[in-house]
């Protein structure tokens, strides 16, 4: 299993709730600072991370994302 954190910039108030609807996002919550929400994803392989981040970027109102992959 590979874990990753996706930081999401969006002015939408309920963006964290929308993130939870994305397949393979197992946790999301709003944050303060440069980004507005965090999505925690867990996938079988690195290739799936791109699929999940692409789905997140397609959400209306998402301005940008930054992904950090867990290093083991």
C-alpha atoms as a PDB file:
ATOM      1  CA  UNK A   1       0.000   0.000   0.000  1.00  0.00           C
ATOM      2  CA  UNK A   2       1.109   3.519  -0.811  1.00  0.00           C
ATOM      3  CA  UNK A   3      -0.133   6.512   1.157  1.00  0.00           C
ATOM      4  CA  UNK A   4      -0.144  10.079  -0.092  1.00  0.00           C
ATOM      5  CA  UNK A   5      -1.311  13.475   1.086  1.00  0.00           C
ATOM      6  CA  UNK A   6      -2.939  15.787  -1.447  1.00  0.00           C
ATOM      7  CA  UNK A   7      -3.082  19.463  -0.510  1.00  0.00           C
ATOM      8  CA  UNK A   8      -5.955  21.279  -2.208  1.00  0.00           C
ATOM      9  CA  UNK A   9      -6.395  24.987  -2.899  1.00  0.00           C
ATOM     10  CA  UNK A  10     -10.037  25.952  -3.388  1.00  0.00           C
ATOM     11  CA  UNK A  11     -12.215  28.859  -2.290  1.00  0.00           C
ATOM     12  CA  UNK A  12     -15.193  26.481  -1.974  1.00  0.00           C
ATOM     13  CA  UNK A  13     -16.302  26.100   1.648  1.00  0.00           C
ATOM     14  CA  UNK A  14     -17.250  22.423   1.444  1.00  0.00           C
ATOM     15  CA  UNK A  15     -14.274  21.200  -0.561  1.00  0.00           C
ATOM     16  CA  UNK A  16     -13.215  18.716   2.161  1.00  0.00           C
ATOM     17  CA  UNK A  17     -16.642  17.040   1.987  1.00  0.00           C
ATOM     18  CA  UNK A  18     -16.388  16.805  -1.795  1.00  0.00           C
ATOM     19  CA  UNK A  19     -12.965  15.189  -1.520  1.00  0.00           C
ATOM     20  CA  UNK A  20     -14.407  12.352   0.570  1.00  0.00           C
ATOM     21  CA  UNK A  21     -16.557  11.331  -2.410  1.00  0.00           C
ATOM     22  CA  UNK A  22     -13.474  10.530  -4.509  1.00  0.00           C
ATOM     23  CA  UNK A  23     -12.612   6.848  -4.721  1.00  0.00           C
ATOM     24  CA  UNK A  24      -9.530   5.908  -2.608  1.00  0.00           C
ATOM     25  CA  UNK A  25      -9.681   9.091  -0.469  1.00  0.00           C
ATOM     26  CA  UNK A  26     -10.077   7.672   3.008  1.00  0.00           C
ATOM     27  CA  UNK A  27      -9.833  10.920   4.954  1.00  0.00           C
ATOM     28  CA  UNK A  28     -10.164  14.629   4.205  1.00  0.00           C
ATOM     29  CA  UNK A  29     -10.429  17.747   6.306  1.00  0.00           C
ATOM     30  CA  UNK A  30     -10.208  21.538   5.990  1.00  0.00           C
ATOM     31  CA  UNK A  31      -6.961  23.245   7.027  1.00  0.00           C
ATOM     32  CA  UNK A  32      -5.696  26.775   7.500  1.00  0.00           C
ATOM     33  CA  UNK A  33      -2.739  28.229   5.650  1.00  0.00           C
ATOM     34  CA  UNK A  34      -1.752  28.250   1.996  1.00  0.00           C
ATOM     35  CA  UNK A  35      -4.084  25.330   1.180  1.00  0.00           C
ATOM     36  CA  UNK A  36      -7.736  24.877   2.108  1.00  0.00           C
ATOM     37  CA  UNK A  37      -8.096  21.110   2.495  1.00  0.00           C
ATOM     38  CA  UNK A  38      -6.130  17.886   2.780  1.00  0.00           C
ATOM     39  CA  UNK A  39      -7.027  14.537   1.251  1.00  0.00           C
ATOM     40  CA  UNK A  40      -5.330  11.395   2.535  1.00  0.00           C
ATOM     41  CA  UNK A  41      -5.280   8.624  -0.033  1.00  0.00           C
ATOM     42  CA  UNK A  42      -4.211   5.009   0.107  1.00  0.00           C
ATOM     43  CA  UNK A  43      -3.607   3.076  -3.098  1.00  0.00           C
ATOM     44  CA  UNK A  44      -2.105  -0.206  -4.224  1.00  0.00           C
ATOM     45  CA  UNK A  45       0.538   1.324  -6.512  1.00  0.00           C
ATOM     46  CA  UNK A  46       2.049   4.660  -7.465  1.00  0.00           C
ATOM     47  CA  UNK A  47       0.192   4.786 -10.780  1.00  0.00           C
ATOM     48  CA  UNK A  48      -3.135   5.097  -8.988  1.00  0.00           C
ATOM     49  CA  UNK A  49      -2.034   8.310  -7.288  1.00  0.00           C
ATOM     50  CA  UNK A  50      -2.205  10.149 -10.613  1.00  0.00           C
ATOM     51  CA  UNK A  51      -5.735   8.844 -11.196  1.00  0.00           C
ATOM     52  CA  UNK A  52      -6.895  10.095  -7.789  1.00  0.00           C
ATOM     53  CA  UNK A  53      -5.238  13.494  -8.128  1.00  0.00           C
ATOM     54  CA  UNK A  54      -6.730  13.912 -11.609  1.00  0.00           C
ATOM     55  CA  UNK A  55     -10.182  13.219 -10.140  1.00  0.00           C
ATOM     56  CA  UNK A  56      -9.558  15.796  -7.413  1.00  0.00           C
ATOM     57  CA  UNK A  57      -8.405  18.397  -9.943  1.00  0.00           C
ATOM     58  CA  UNK A  58     -11.640  17.930 -11.909  1.00  0.00           C
ATOM     59  CA  UNK A  59     -13.771  19.024  -8.928  1.00  0.00           C
ATOM     60  CA  UNK A  60     -15.373  22.388  -9.651  1.00  0.00           C
ATOM     61  CA  UNK A  61     -13.505  25.098  -7.755  1.00  0.00           C
ATOM     62  CA  UNK A  62     -10.197  23.305  -7.262  1.00  0.00           C
ATOM     63  CA  UNK A  63      -7.489  25.780  -8.224  1.00  0.00           C
ATOM     64  CA  UNK A  64      -4.407  23.644  -7.615  1.00  0.00           C
ATOM     65  CA  UNK A  65      -3.106  20.599  -5.780  1.00  0.00           C
ATOM     66  CA  UNK A  66       0.185  19.440  -4.362  1.00  0.00           C
ATOM     67  CA  UNK A  67       0.846  15.790  -3.671  1.00  0.00           C
ATOM     68  CA  UNK A  68       3.254  14.305  -1.154  1.00  0.00           C
ATOM     69  CA  UNK A  69       3.898  10.559  -1.262  1.00  0.00           C
ATOM     70  CA  UNK A  70       4.882   8.657   1.875  1.00  0.00           C
ATOM     71  CA  UNK A  71       8.494   7.486   1.724  1.00  0.00           C
ATOM     72  CA  UNK A  72       9.266   4.149   3.330  1.00  0.00           C
END
